[in-house]
Amino acid sequence: MNISQVAENFDLTPATLRYYEKIGLIPDIQRKNGVRNYNAQDLDWIEFIKCMRSAGLSIESLIDYTRLYHEGPQTADERMKILIKERELLFERYQELKDTLERLDEKIDKYRRGEFSK
């Protein structure tokens, strides 16, 4: 697949894919006649990165994770620590959103009861 096809497939821009490659989030992509040619392993890696970004992982954490991954299985504990830390941050954001949602529900219920104050 070329970069345009991959970008469309993952709802990313070609510029984002080039940036991810430049900073080392995805490996150097093989080229055919100067055109990036993504293979199945590249696509799996892009899917993983997109999933992790959607979960809120920072670029910095992903760069560290990717570097460690390429260093081999002996870095599994360090990679797990990155994921645990990022999960804790995501859970904090989840709790904040949950609290906000509950407050909104309370406010909506007041309006339904005819209570229109702040």
C-alpha atoms as a PDB file:
ATOM      1  CA  MET A   1       0.000   0.000   0.000  1.00  0.00           C
ATOM      2  CA  ASN A   2       1.215   3.506  -0.669  1.00  0.00           C
ATOM      3  CA  ILE A   3       1.054   6.378   1.807  1.00  0.00           C
ATOM      4  CA  SER A   4      -2.232   7.779   0.454  1.00  0.00           C
ATOM      5  CA  GLN A   5      -3.952   4.412   0.759  1.00  0.00           C
ATOM      6  CA  VAL A   6      -2.637   3.884   4.284  1.00  0.00           C
ATOM      7  CA  ALA A   7      -3.614   7.399   5.325  1.00  0.00           C
ATOM      8  CA  GLU A   8      -7.148   6.880   4.036  1.00  0.00           C
ATOM      9  CA  ASN A   9      -7.365   3.432   5.603  1.00  0.00           C
ATOM     10  CA  PHE A  10      -6.417   4.732   9.057  1.00  0.00           C
ATOM     11  CA  ASP A  11      -8.080   8.149   8.782  1.00  0.00           C
ATOM     12  CA  LEU A  12      -4.707   9.877   9.095  1.00  0.00           C
ATOM     13  CA  THR A  13      -2.965  12.322   6.829  1.00  0.00           C
ATOM     14  CA  PRO A  14       0.119  11.443   4.803  1.00  0.00           C
ATOM     15  CA  ALA A  15       1.882  14.225   6.735  1.00  0.00           C
ATOM     16  CA  THR A  16       1.080  12.456  10.019  1.00  0.00           C
ATOM     17  CA  LEU A  17       2.469   9.184   8.695  1.00  0.00           C
ATOM     18  CA  ARG A  18       5.646  10.917   7.509  1.00  0.00           C
ATOM     19  CA  TYR A  19       5.964  12.614  10.916  1.00  0.00           C
ATOM     20  CA  TYR A  20       5.527   9.305  12.758  1.00  0.00           C
ATOM     21  CA  GLU A  21       8.228   7.798  10.567  1.00  0.00           C
ATOM     22  CA  LYS A  22      10.530  10.788  11.084  1.00  0.00           C
ATOM     23  CA  ILE A  23      10.323  10.614  14.891  1.00  0.00           C
ATOM     24  CA  GLY A  24      10.702   6.841  14.947  1.00  0.00           C
ATOM     25  CA  LEU A  25       7.174   5.781  15.859  1.00  0.00           C
ATOM     26  CA  ILE A  26       6.983   3.662  12.756  1.00  0.00           C
ATOM     27  CA  PRO A  27      10.007   2.025  11.197  1.00  0.00           C
ATOM     28  CA  ASP A  28      11.555   3.262   7.991  1.00  0.00           C
ATOM     29  CA  ILE A  29       9.147   2.159   5.327  1.00  0.00           C
ATOM     30  CA  GLN A  30      10.440   0.178   2.385  1.00  0.00           C
ATOM     31  CA  ARG A  31      10.301   2.105  -0.863  1.00  0.00           C
ATOM     32  CA  LYS A  32       9.648   0.939  -4.361  1.00  0.00           C
ATOM     33  CA  ASN A  33      10.852   3.399  -7.007  1.00  0.00           C
ATOM     34  CA  GLY A  34      11.009   6.059  -4.276  1.00  0.00           C
ATOM     35  CA  VAL A  35       7.394   5.505  -3.162  1.00  0.00           C
ATOM     36  CA  ARG A  36       6.664   4.233   0.336  1.00  0.00           C
ATOM     37  CA  ASN A  37       5.364   0.671   0.202  1.00  0.00           C
ATOM     38  CA  TYR A  38       3.716  -0.343   3.499  1.00  0.00           C
ATOM     39  CA  ASN A  39       3.599  -4.033   4.373  1.00  0.00           C
ATOM     40  CA  ALA A  40       1.331  -5.895   6.818  1.00  0.00           C
ATOM     41  CA  GLN A  41       3.772  -5.464   9.716  1.00  0.00           C
ATOM     42  CA  ASP A  42       3.905  -1.687   9.090  1.00  0.00           C
ATOM     43  CA  LEU A  43       0.108  -1.556   9.065  1.00  0.00           C
ATOM     44  CA  ASP A  44      -0.085  -3.473  12.354  1.00  0.00           C
ATOM     45  CA  TRP A  45       2.333  -1.006  13.923  1.00  0.00           C
ATOM     46  CA  ILE A  46       0.360   1.995  12.639  1.00  0.00           C
ATOM     47  CA  GLU A  47      -2.846   0.477  14.003  1.00  0.00           C
ATOM     48  CA  PHE A  48      -1.184   0.042  17.406  1.00  0.00           C
ATOM     49  CA  ILE A  49       0.064   3.637  17.428  1.00  0.00           C
ATOM     50  CA  LYS A  50      -3.318   4.987  16.411  1.00  0.00           C
ATOM     51  CA  CYS A  51      -4.990   2.953  19.159  1.00  0.00           C
ATOM     52  CA  MET A  52      -2.523   4.184  21.766  1.00  0.00           C
ATOM     53  CA  ARG A  53      -2.891   7.802  20.613  1.00  0.00           C
ATOM     54  CA  SER A  54      -6.679   7.452  20.808  1.00  0.00           C
ATOM     55  CA  ALA A  55      -6.236   6.216  24.367  1.00  0.00           C
ATOM     56  CA  GLY A  56      -4.339   9.405  25.118  1.00  0.00           C
ATOM     57  CA  LEU A  57      -0.748   8.203  25.163  1.00  0.00           C
ATOM     58  CA  SER A  58       1.656  11.024  24.569  1.00  0.00           C
ATOM     59  CA  ILE A  59       4.018  11.043  21.626  1.00  0.00           C
ATOM     60  CA  GLU A  60       6.916  11.021  24.095  1.00  0.00           C
ATOM     61  CA  SER A  61       5.647   7.858  25.819  1.00  0.00           C
ATOM     62  CA  LEU A  62       5.110   6.186  22.470  1.00  0.00           C
ATOM     63  CA  ILE A  63       8.617   7.101  21.342  1.00  0.00           C
ATOM     64  CA  ASP A  64      10.030   5.568  24.546  1.00  0.00           C
ATOM     65  CA  TYR A  65       7.828   2.494  24.158  1.00  0.00           C
ATOM     66  CA  THR A  66       8.815   2.045  20.504  1.00  0.00           C
ATOM     67  CA  ARG A  67      12.518   2.427  21.272  1.00  0.00           C
ATOM     68  CA  LEU A  68      12.262  -0.158  24.046  1.00  0.00           C
ATOM     69  CA  TYR A  69      10.252  -2.519  21.855  1.00  0.00           C
ATOM     70  CA  HIS A  70      12.987  -2.472  19.226  1.00  0.00           C
ATOM     71  CA  GLU A  71      15.606  -3.175  21.894  1.00  0.00           C
ATOM     72  CA  GLY A  72      14.002  -6.547  22.462  1.00  0.00           C
ATOM     73  CA  PRO A  73      12.087  -8.680  24.943  1.00  0.00           C
ATOM     74  CA  GLN A  74      14.396  -7.797  27.827  1.00  0.00           C
ATOM     75  CA  THR A  75      12.618  -4.396  27.945  1.00  0.00           C
ATOM     76  CA  ALA A  76       9.161  -5.887  28.542  1.00  0.00           C
ATOM     77  CA  ASP A  77       9.029  -4.704  32.172  1.00  0.00           C
ATOM     78  CA  GLU A  78       9.943  -1.144  31.189  1.00  0.00           C
ATOM     79  CA  ARG A  79       7.307  -1.152  28.429  1.00  0.00           C
ATOM     80  CA  MET A  80       4.712  -2.463  30.844  1.00  0.00           C
ATOM     81  CA  LYS A  81       5.560   0.366  33.281  1.00  0.00           C
ATOM     82  CA  ILE A  82       4.960   2.915  30.520  1.00  0.00           C
ATOM     83  CA  LEU A  83       1.581   1.366  29.761  1.00  0.00           C
ATOM     84  CA  ILE A  84       0.619   1.195  33.441  1.00  0.00           C
ATOM     85  CA  LYS A  85       1.528   4.845  33.960  1.00  0.00           C
ATOM     86  CA  GLU A  86      -0.432   5.893  30.878  1.00  0.00           C
ATOM     87  CA  ARG A  87      -3.395   3.783  31.999  1.00  0.00           C
ATOM     88  CA  GLU A  88      -3.393   5.566  35.351  1.00  0.00           C
ATOM     89  CA  LEU A  89      -3.430   8.940  33.582  1.00  0.00           C
ATOM     90  CA  LEU A  90      -6.256   7.787  31.315  1.00  0.00           C
ATOM     91  CA  PHE A  91      -8.232   6.527  34.312  1.00  0.00           C
ATOM     92  CA  GLU A  92      -7.867   9.934  36.002  1.00  0.00           C
ATOM     93  CA  ARG A  93      -9.250  11.620  32.879  1.00  0.00           C
ATOM     94  CA  TYR A  94     -12.035   9.030  32.771  1.00  0.00           C
ATOM     95  CA  GLN A  95     -12.970   9.814  36.392  1.00  0.00           C
ATOM     96  CA  GLU A  96     -13.021  13.540  35.629  1.00  0.00           C
ATOM     97  CA  LEU A  97     -15.303  12.946  32.648  1.00  0.00           C
ATOM     98  CA  LYS A  98     -17.519  10.646  34.708  1.00  0.00           C
ATOM     99  CA  ASP A  99     -17.865  13.310  37.404  1.00  0.00           C
ATOM    100  CA  THR A 100     -18.683  15.945  34.794  1.00  0.00           C
ATOM    101  CA  LEU A 101     -21.239  13.675  33.177  1.00  0.00           C
ATOM    102  CA  GLU A 102     -22.913  13.060  36.535  1.00  0.00           C
ATOM    103  CA  ARG A 103     -23.069  16.806  37.187  1.00  0.00           C
ATOM    104  CA  LEU A 104     -24.639  17.373  33.777  1.00  0.00           C
ATOM    105  CA  ASP A 105     -27.184  14.630  34.428  1.00  0.00           C
ATOM    106  CA  GLU A 106     -28.128  16.282  37.729  1.00  0.00           C
ATOM    107  CA  LYS A 107     -28.542  19.627  35.973  1.00  0.00           C
ATOM    108  CA  ILE A 108     -30.698  18.089  33.235  1.00  0.00           C
ATOM    109  CA  ASP A 109     -32.855  16.396  35.868  1.00  0.00           C
ATOM    110  CA  LYS A 110     -33.400  19.782  37.568  1.00  0.00           C
ATOM    111  CA  TYR A 111     -34.560  21.265  34.275  1.00  0.00           C
ATOM    112  CA  ARG A 112     -36.916  18.332  33.761  1.00  0.00           C
ATOM    113  CA  ARG A 113     -38.389  19.041  37.179  1.00  0.00           C
ATOM    114  CA  GLY A 114     -38.841  22.696  36.266  1.00  0.00           C
ATOM    115  CA  GLU A 115     -35.955  24.003  38.386  1.00  0.00           C
ATOM    116  CA  PHE A 116     -34.186  26.571  36.223  1.00  0.00           C
ATOM    117  CA  SER A 117     -31.590  28.013  38.602  1.00  0.00           C
ATOM    118  CA  LYS A 118     -27.836  27.761  38.102  1.00  0.00           C
END
